[in-house]
């Protein structure tokens, strides 16, 4: 089977002395022709196939996923806070003479105390996961 010859076109360009020296040194050390190195570099540049472009695309995807995770976490935090406020209002001790208004005020007070305590614990570095027994996590090497 006959091999078709790749047609080539001669181009001419000027390089800085330093870049030309680097190219010559690289080609001598690796045994690759200057033409091959230049063609490969141009191809990568024109088609964005170099590793940096791939890394940037992957990082962009990770940044988008993190933004969605942050939004979801903020939504869950807001929902949990509202649930806790409603729970405190519904379960606040009320006296017969105070009525609903007194129960609502007592619930709001308990909720504010809960929020302040939670903030203080968080500021001190305590996390809920610290309260979970280590056995619940299983073997750390299992991973997701």
C-alpha atoms as a PDB file:
ATOM      1  CA  UNK A   1       0.000   0.000   0.000  1.00  0.00           C
ATOM      2  CA  UNK A   2       1.409   3.350  -1.013  1.00  0.00           C
ATOM      3  CA  UNK A   3       1.801   5.983   1.625  1.00  0.00           C
ATOM      4  CA  UNK A   4       0.595   9.424   0.674  1.00  0.00           C
ATOM      5  CA  UNK A   5       3.131  12.108   1.338  1.00  0.00           C
ATOM      6  CA  UNK A   6       2.051  14.890   3.663  1.00  0.00           C
ATOM      7  CA  UNK A   7       2.262  18.180   1.872  1.00  0.00           C
ATOM      8  CA  UNK A   8       4.165  20.804   3.741  1.00  0.00           C
ATOM      9  CA  UNK A   9       4.458  24.537   3.314  1.00  0.00           C
ATOM     10  CA  UNK A  10       7.523  26.526   4.254  1.00  0.00           C
ATOM     11  CA  UNK A  11       6.998  29.427   6.659  1.00  0.00           C
ATOM     12  CA  UNK A  12       9.487  31.831   8.065  1.00  0.00           C
ATOM     13  CA  UNK A  13       9.409  33.628  11.376  1.00  0.00           C
ATOM     14  CA  UNK A  14      11.778  35.300  13.775  1.00  0.00           C
ATOM     15  CA  UNK A  15      12.329  34.142  17.357  1.00  0.00           C
ATOM     16  CA  UNK A  16      14.105  35.843  20.194  1.00  0.00           C
ATOM     17  CA  UNK A  17      17.674  34.691  20.686  1.00  0.00           C
ATOM     18  CA  UNK A  18      16.780  33.205  24.092  1.00  0.00           C
ATOM     19  CA  UNK A  19      13.789  31.242  22.747  1.00  0.00           C
ATOM     20  CA  UNK A  20      15.810  29.934  19.784  1.00  0.00           C
ATOM     21  CA  UNK A  21      18.543  28.776  22.182  1.00  0.00           C
ATOM     22  CA  UNK A  22      15.959  26.978  24.332  1.00  0.00           C
ATOM     23  CA  UNK A  23      14.434  25.328  21.265  1.00  0.00           C
ATOM     24  CA  UNK A  24      17.817  24.173  19.975  1.00  0.00           C
ATOM     25  CA  UNK A  25      18.837  22.831  23.396  1.00  0.00           C
ATOM     26  CA  UNK A  26      15.485  21.034  23.873  1.00  0.00           C
ATOM     27  CA  UNK A  27      15.620  19.428  20.424  1.00  0.00           C
ATOM     28  CA  UNK A  28      19.227  18.294  20.893  1.00  0.00           C
ATOM     29  CA  UNK A  29      18.457  16.761  24.281  1.00  0.00           C
ATOM     30  CA  UNK A  30      15.243  15.021  23.223  1.00  0.00           C
ATOM     31  CA  UNK A  31      16.194  14.010  19.700  1.00  0.00           C
ATOM     32  CA  UNK A  32      13.090  15.655  18.242  1.00  0.00           C
ATOM     33  CA  UNK A  33      13.261  17.864  15.182  1.00  0.00           C
ATOM     34  CA  UNK A  34      12.569  21.571  15.494  1.00  0.00           C
ATOM     35  CA  UNK A  35       9.817  21.208  12.890  1.00  0.00           C
ATOM     36  CA  UNK A  36       8.023  18.595  15.030  1.00  0.00           C
ATOM     37  CA  UNK A  37       8.247  20.719  18.156  1.00  0.00           C
ATOM     38  CA  UNK A  38       6.974  23.832  16.359  1.00  0.00           C
ATOM     39  CA  UNK A  39       4.134  21.932  14.610  1.00  0.00           C
ATOM     40  CA  UNK A  40       3.060  20.345  17.883  1.00  0.00           C
ATOM     41  CA  UNK A  41       3.127  23.683  19.728  1.00  0.00           C
ATOM     42  CA  UNK A  42       1.123  25.409  16.988  1.00  0.00           C
ATOM     43  CA  UNK A  43      -1.408  22.582  16.881  1.00  0.00           C
ATOM     44  CA  UNK A  44      -1.904  22.717  20.655  1.00  0.00           C
ATOM     45  CA  UNK A  45      -2.202  26.482  20.570  1.00  0.00           C
ATOM     46  CA  UNK A  46      -4.720  26.544  17.724  1.00  0.00           C
ATOM     47  CA  UNK A  47      -6.852  23.672  19.027  1.00  0.00           C
ATOM     48  CA  UNK A  48      -6.573  24.376  22.754  1.00  0.00           C
ATOM     49  CA  UNK A  49      -5.477  20.808  23.406  1.00  0.00           C
ATOM     50  CA  UNK A  50      -2.716  21.557  25.862  1.00  0.00           C
ATOM     51  CA  UNK A  51      -2.925  20.444  29.478  1.00  0.00           C
ATOM     52  CA  UNK A  52      -3.501  23.954  30.797  1.00  0.00           C
ATOM     53  CA  UNK A  53      -6.700  24.379  28.794  1.00  0.00           C
ATOM     54  CA  UNK A  54      -7.949  21.026  30.084  1.00  0.00           C
ATOM     55  CA  UNK A  55      -7.110  21.964  33.673  1.00  0.00           C
ATOM     56  CA  UNK A  56      -8.847  25.329  33.331  1.00  0.00           C
ATOM     57  CA  UNK A  57     -11.998  23.678  31.918  1.00  0.00           C
ATOM     58  CA  UNK A  58     -12.037  21.179  34.784  1.00  0.00           C
ATOM     59  CA  UNK A  59     -11.495  23.916  37.374  1.00  0.00           C
ATOM     60  CA  UNK A  60     -14.354  25.935  35.852  1.00  0.00           C
ATOM     61  CA  UNK A  61     -16.616  22.908  36.284  1.00  0.00           C
ATOM     62  CA  UNK A  62     -15.541  22.489  39.894  1.00  0.00           C
ATOM     63  CA  UNK A  63     -16.176  26.180  40.604  1.00  0.00           C
ATOM     64  CA  UNK A  64     -19.714  25.874  39.164  1.00  0.00           C
ATOM     65  CA  UNK A  65     -20.387  22.769  41.273  1.00  0.00           C
ATOM     66  CA  UNK A  66     -19.111  24.515  44.406  1.00  0.00           C
ATOM     67  CA  UNK A  67     -21.392  27.485  43.727  1.00  0.00           C
ATOM     68  CA  UNK A  68     -24.378  25.124  43.446  1.00  0.00           C
ATOM     69  CA  UNK A  69     -23.334  23.330  46.652  1.00  0.00           C
ATOM     70  CA  UNK A  70     -23.045  26.664  48.477  1.00  0.00           C
ATOM     71  CA  UNK A  71     -26.492  27.733  47.263  1.00  0.00           C
ATOM     72  CA  UNK A  72     -27.971  24.386  48.363  1.00  0.00           C
ATOM     73  CA  UNK A  73     -26.284  24.591  51.767  1.00  0.00           C
ATOM     74  CA  UNK A  74     -27.583  28.132  52.311  1.00  0.00           C
ATOM     75  CA  UNK A  75     -31.090  26.966  51.375  1.00  0.00           C
ATOM     76  CA  UNK A  76     -30.904  24.034  53.798  1.00  0.00           C
ATOM     77  CA  UNK A  77     -29.526  26.269  56.559  1.00  0.00           C
ATOM     78  CA  UNK A  78     -32.356  28.762  56.061  1.00  0.00           C
ATOM     79  CA  UNK A  79     -34.961  25.990  56.055  1.00  0.00           C
ATOM     80  CA  UNK A  80     -33.522  24.459  59.236  1.00  0.00           C
ATOM     81  CA  UNK A  81     -33.465  27.835  60.989  1.00  0.00           C
ATOM     82  CA  UNK A  82     -37.108  28.509  60.076  1.00  0.00           C
ATOM     83  CA  UNK A  83     -38.093  25.007  61.183  1.00  0.00           C
ATOM     84  CA  UNK A  84     -36.384  25.500  64.549  1.00  0.00           C
ATOM     85  CA  UNK A  85     -38.116  28.863  65.038  1.00  0.00           C
ATOM     86  CA  UNK A  86     -41.521  27.286  64.320  1.00  0.00           C
ATOM     87  CA  UNK A  87     -40.740  24.335  66.581  1.00  0.00           C
ATOM     88  CA  UNK A  88     -39.823  26.608  69.497  1.00  0.00           C
ATOM     89  CA  UNK A  89     -42.991  28.630  68.965  1.00  0.00           C
ATOM     90  CA  UNK A  90     -45.159  25.507  68.831  1.00  0.00           C
ATOM     91  CA  UNK A  91     -43.569  23.905  71.889  1.00  0.00           C
ATOM     92  CA  UNK A  92     -43.019  26.937  74.091  1.00  0.00           C
ATOM     93  CA  UNK A  93     -44.534  26.629  77.566  1.00  0.00           C
ATOM     94  CA  UNK A  94     -47.483  28.940  77.842  1.00  0.00           C
ATOM     95  CA  UNK A  95     -49.603  29.971  80.757  1.00  0.00           C
ATOM     96  CA  UNK A  96     -53.364  30.253  80.472  1.00  0.00           C
ATOM     97  CA  UNK A  97     -53.364  33.999  80.993  1.00  0.00           C
ATOM     98  CA  UNK A  98     -50.552  34.703  78.557  1.00  0.00           C
ATOM     99  CA  UNK A  99     -52.357  33.058  75.641  1.00  0.00           C
ATOM    100  CA  UNK A 100     -50.920  32.723  72.183  1.00  0.00           C
ATOM    101  CA  UNK A 101     -49.002  35.984  72.319  1.00  0.00           C
ATOM    102  CA  UNK A 102     -47.118  34.871  75.424  1.00  0.00           C
ATOM    103  CA  UNK A 103     -46.341  31.475  73.906  1.00  0.00           C
ATOM    104  CA  UNK A 104     -45.097  33.130  70.731  1.00  0.00           C
ATOM    105  CA  UNK A 105     -42.857  35.485  72.732  1.00  0.00           C
ATOM    106  CA  UNK A 106     -41.512  32.616  74.850  1.00  0.00           C
ATOM    107  CA  UNK A 107     -40.840  30.590  71.690  1.00  0.00           C
ATOM    108  CA  UNK A 108     -39.029  33.516  70.092  1.00  0.00           C
ATOM    109  CA  UNK A 109     -36.910  33.937  73.238  1.00  0.00           C
ATOM    110  CA  UNK A 110     -36.012  30.241  73.257  1.00  0.00           C
ATOM    111  CA  UNK A 111     -35.159  30.386  69.566  1.00  0.00           C
ATOM    112  CA  UNK A 112     -32.867  33.390  70.087  1.00  0.00           C
ATOM    113  CA  UNK A 113     -31.151  31.587  72.979  1.00  0.00           C
ATOM    114  CA  UNK A 114     -30.733  28.526  70.754  1.00  0.00           C
ATOM    115  CA  UNK A 115     -29.249  30.645  67.945  1.00  0.00           C
ATOM    116  CA  UNK A 116     -26.868  32.424  70.342  1.00  0.00           C
ATOM    117  CA  UNK A 117     -25.717  29.121  71.843  1.00  0.00           C
ATOM    118  CA  UNK A 118     -25.217  27.654  68.375  1.00  0.00           C
ATOM    119  CA  UNK A 119     -23.178  30.691  67.306  1.00  0.00           C
ATOM    120  CA  UNK A 120     -21.018  30.502  70.418  1.00  0.00           C
ATOM    121  CA  UNK A 121     -20.335  26.792  69.879  1.00  0.00           C
ATOM    122  CA  UNK A 122     -19.499  27.398  66.227  1.00  0.00           C
ATOM    123  CA  UNK A 123     -17.143  30.274  67.072  1.00  0.00           C
ATOM    124  CA  UNK A 124     -15.319  28.060  69.568  1.00  0.00           C
ATOM    125  CA  UNK A 125     -14.722  25.495  66.821  1.00  0.00           C
ATOM    126  CA  UNK A 126     -17.217  22.883  67.992  1.00  0.00           C
ATOM    127  CA  UNK A 127     -19.054  21.054  65.215  1.00  0.00           C
ATOM    128  CA  UNK A 128     -21.977  18.641  65.401  1.00  0.00           C
ATOM    129  CA  UNK A 129     -19.871  15.956  63.751  1.00  0.00           C
ATOM    130  CA  UNK A 130     -17.658  16.046  66.877  1.00  0.00           C
ATOM    131  CA  UNK A 131     -20.614  14.669  68.858  1.00  0.00           C
ATOM    132  CA  UNK A 132     -21.188  11.712  66.515  1.00  0.00           C
ATOM    133  CA  UNK A 133     -19.557   8.469  67.738  1.00  0.00           C
ATOM    134  CA  UNK A 134     -16.459   7.520  65.738  1.00  0.00           C
ATOM    135  CA  UNK A 135     -17.934   4.055  65.075  1.00  0.00           C
ATOM    136  CA  UNK A 136     -20.672   5.687  62.997  1.00  0.00           C
ATOM    137  CA  UNK A 137     -18.094   6.674  60.372  1.00  0.00           C
ATOM    138  CA  UNK A 138     -16.731   3.168  59.920  1.00  0.00           C
ATOM    139  CA  UNK A 139     -13.328   2.715  58.370  1.00  0.00           C
ATOM    140  CA  UNK A 140     -11.866   5.997  57.092  1.00  0.00           C
ATOM    141  CA  UNK A 141     -10.221   4.164  54.164  1.00  0.00           C
ATOM    142  CA  UNK A 142     -13.594   3.102  52.712  1.00  0.00           C
ATOM    143  CA  UNK A 143     -14.354   6.593  51.396  1.00  0.00           C
ATOM    144  CA  UNK A 144     -17.170   7.383  48.977  1.00  0.00           C
END
